[in-house]
Amino acid sequence: MNVLCKPAHVYLILSLILFIIMMSISFASSNIFLFIIKVGIWTLLLNWLCFAGYTGFAWLLVFFPIIIVSFFLAVVIIAIIKQNKNENENRQNNHIEK
């Protein structure tokens, strides 16, 4: 019997993967307890939303952090590429002037 809806199940699996990664990099033991509490509460909230009929909203809450991080990562990568391009153009212009 599956007591967790799909969004809560996916969140729990992603959190388990993150937990394993954190343990492999010697995450502070005081933060482990808080992490487990947060994951438990968040999983229960997502499950409650699903059973209340808000499955779409629960999926949004699961993937929203991933979407936001991806967006900001893309913005940073674009900014770095533009900065490198400008620096290369400046070096070429300085080399031509000499």
Protein backbone atom coordinates (compact mmCIF):
# COMPACT_ATOMS: atom_id res chain seq x y z
CA MET A 1 0.00 0.00 0.00
CA ASN A 2 1.43 3.34 -1.09
CA VAL A 3 0.56 6.03 1.45
CA LEU A 4 2.52 8.81 -0.27
CA CYS A 5 1.33 10.57 -3.39
CA LYS A 6 3.73 10.93 -6.32
CA PRO A 7 4.96 14.49 -5.50
CA ALA A 8 5.66 13.56 -1.88
CA HIS A 9 7.35 10.34 -2.98
CA VAL A 10 9.57 12.17 -5.51
CA TYR A 11 10.47 14.80 -2.90
CA LEU A 12 11.37 12.09 -0.40
CA ILE A 13 13.60 10.32 -2.94
CA LEU A 14 15.33 13.59 -3.94
CA SER A 15 15.85 14.41 -0.26
CA LEU A 16 17.31 10.95 0.36
CA ILE A 17 19.77 11.48 -2.50
CA LEU A 18 20.69 14.89 -1.07
CA PHE A 19 21.10 13.35 2.38
CA ILE A 20 23.53 10.75 1.01
CA ILE A 21 25.51 13.48 -0.74
CA MET A 22 25.60 15.58 2.44
CA MET A 23 26.79 12.61 4.48
CA SER A 24 29.56 11.92 1.98
CA ILE A 25 30.93 15.45 2.47
CA SER A 26 30.81 15.22 6.28
CA PHE A 27 27.73 17.32 6.90
CA ALA A 28 27.55 18.61 10.50
CA SER A 29 25.65 16.19 12.72
CA SER A 30 23.63 18.98 14.34
CA ASN A 31 22.18 19.85 10.94
CA ILE A 32 21.21 16.25 10.17
CA PHE A 33 18.40 16.28 12.72
CA LEU A 34 17.01 19.56 11.38
CA PHE A 35 17.26 18.25 7.81
CA ILE A 36 15.31 15.10 8.72
CA ILE A 37 12.64 17.15 10.52
CA LYS A 38 12.31 19.51 7.54
CA VAL A 39 12.04 16.64 5.07
CA GLY A 40 9.42 14.93 7.21
CA ILE A 41 7.28 18.04 7.59
CA TRP A 42 7.61 18.95 3.91
CA THR A 43 6.71 15.40 2.83
CA LEU A 44 3.62 15.43 5.05
CA LEU A 45 2.61 18.84 3.68
CA LEU A 46 2.99 17.66 0.08
CA ASN A 47 1.02 14.50 0.84
CA TRP A 48 -1.74 16.53 2.51
CA LEU A 49 -1.92 18.85 -0.52
CA CYS A 50 -2.29 15.85 -2.83
CA PHE A 51 -5.09 14.30 -0.84
CA ALA A 52 -6.80 17.70 -0.57
CA GLY A 53 -6.91 17.82 -4.37
CA TYR A 54 -3.98 20.17 -4.99
CA THR A 55 -1.66 17.69 -6.70
CA GLY A 56 -0.60 20.23 -9.34
CA PHE A 57 0.40 22.70 -6.65
CA ALA A 58 2.31 19.96 -4.81
CA TRP A 59 4.27 19.20 -8.01
CA LEU A 60 5.03 22.91 -8.35
CA LEU A 61 6.39 23.01 -4.80
CA VAL A 62 8.57 19.97 -5.51
CA PHE A 63 10.12 21.37 -8.68
CA PHE A 64 10.08 25.11 -7.90
CA PRO A 65 13.49 25.11 -6.16
CA ILE A 66 15.03 23.18 -9.06
CA ILE A 67 13.54 25.61 -11.58
CA ILE A 68 14.73 28.67 -9.64
CA VAL A 69 18.26 27.31 -9.15
CA SER A 70 18.44 26.40 -12.85
CA PHE A 71 17.30 29.90 -13.82
CA PHE A 72 19.85 31.65 -11.62
CA LEU A 73 22.59 29.28 -12.73
CA ALA A 74 21.77 30.09 -16.37
CA VAL A 75 21.88 33.84 -15.62
CA VAL A 76 25.28 33.49 -13.91
CA ILE A 77 26.68 31.40 -16.76
CA ILE A 78 25.48 33.93 -19.34
CA ALA A 79 27.00 36.79 -17.31
CA ILE A 80 30.34 34.97 -17.06
CA ILE A 81 30.38 34.23 -20.79
CA LYS A 82 29.64 37.89 -21.60
CA GLN A 83 32.33 39.07 -19.18
CA ASN A 84 34.90 36.71 -20.69
CA LYS A 85 33.94 37.85 -24.18
CA ASN A 86 34.36 41.51 -23.18
CA GLU A 87 37.74 40.80 -21.55
CA ASN A 88 38.95 38.98 -24.66
CA GLU A 89 37.83 41.88 -26.87
CA ASN A 90 39.64 44.35 -24.58
CA ARG A 91 42.83 42.28 -24.73
CA GLN A 92 42.64 42.12 -28.51
CA ASN A 93 42.05 45.88 -28.74
CA ASN A 94 44.98 46.58 -26.40
CA HIS A 95 47.21 44.23 -28.39
CA ILE A 96 46.27 45.93 -31.68
CA GLU A 97 46.97 49.42 -30.27
CA LYS A 98 50.51 48.47 -29.17
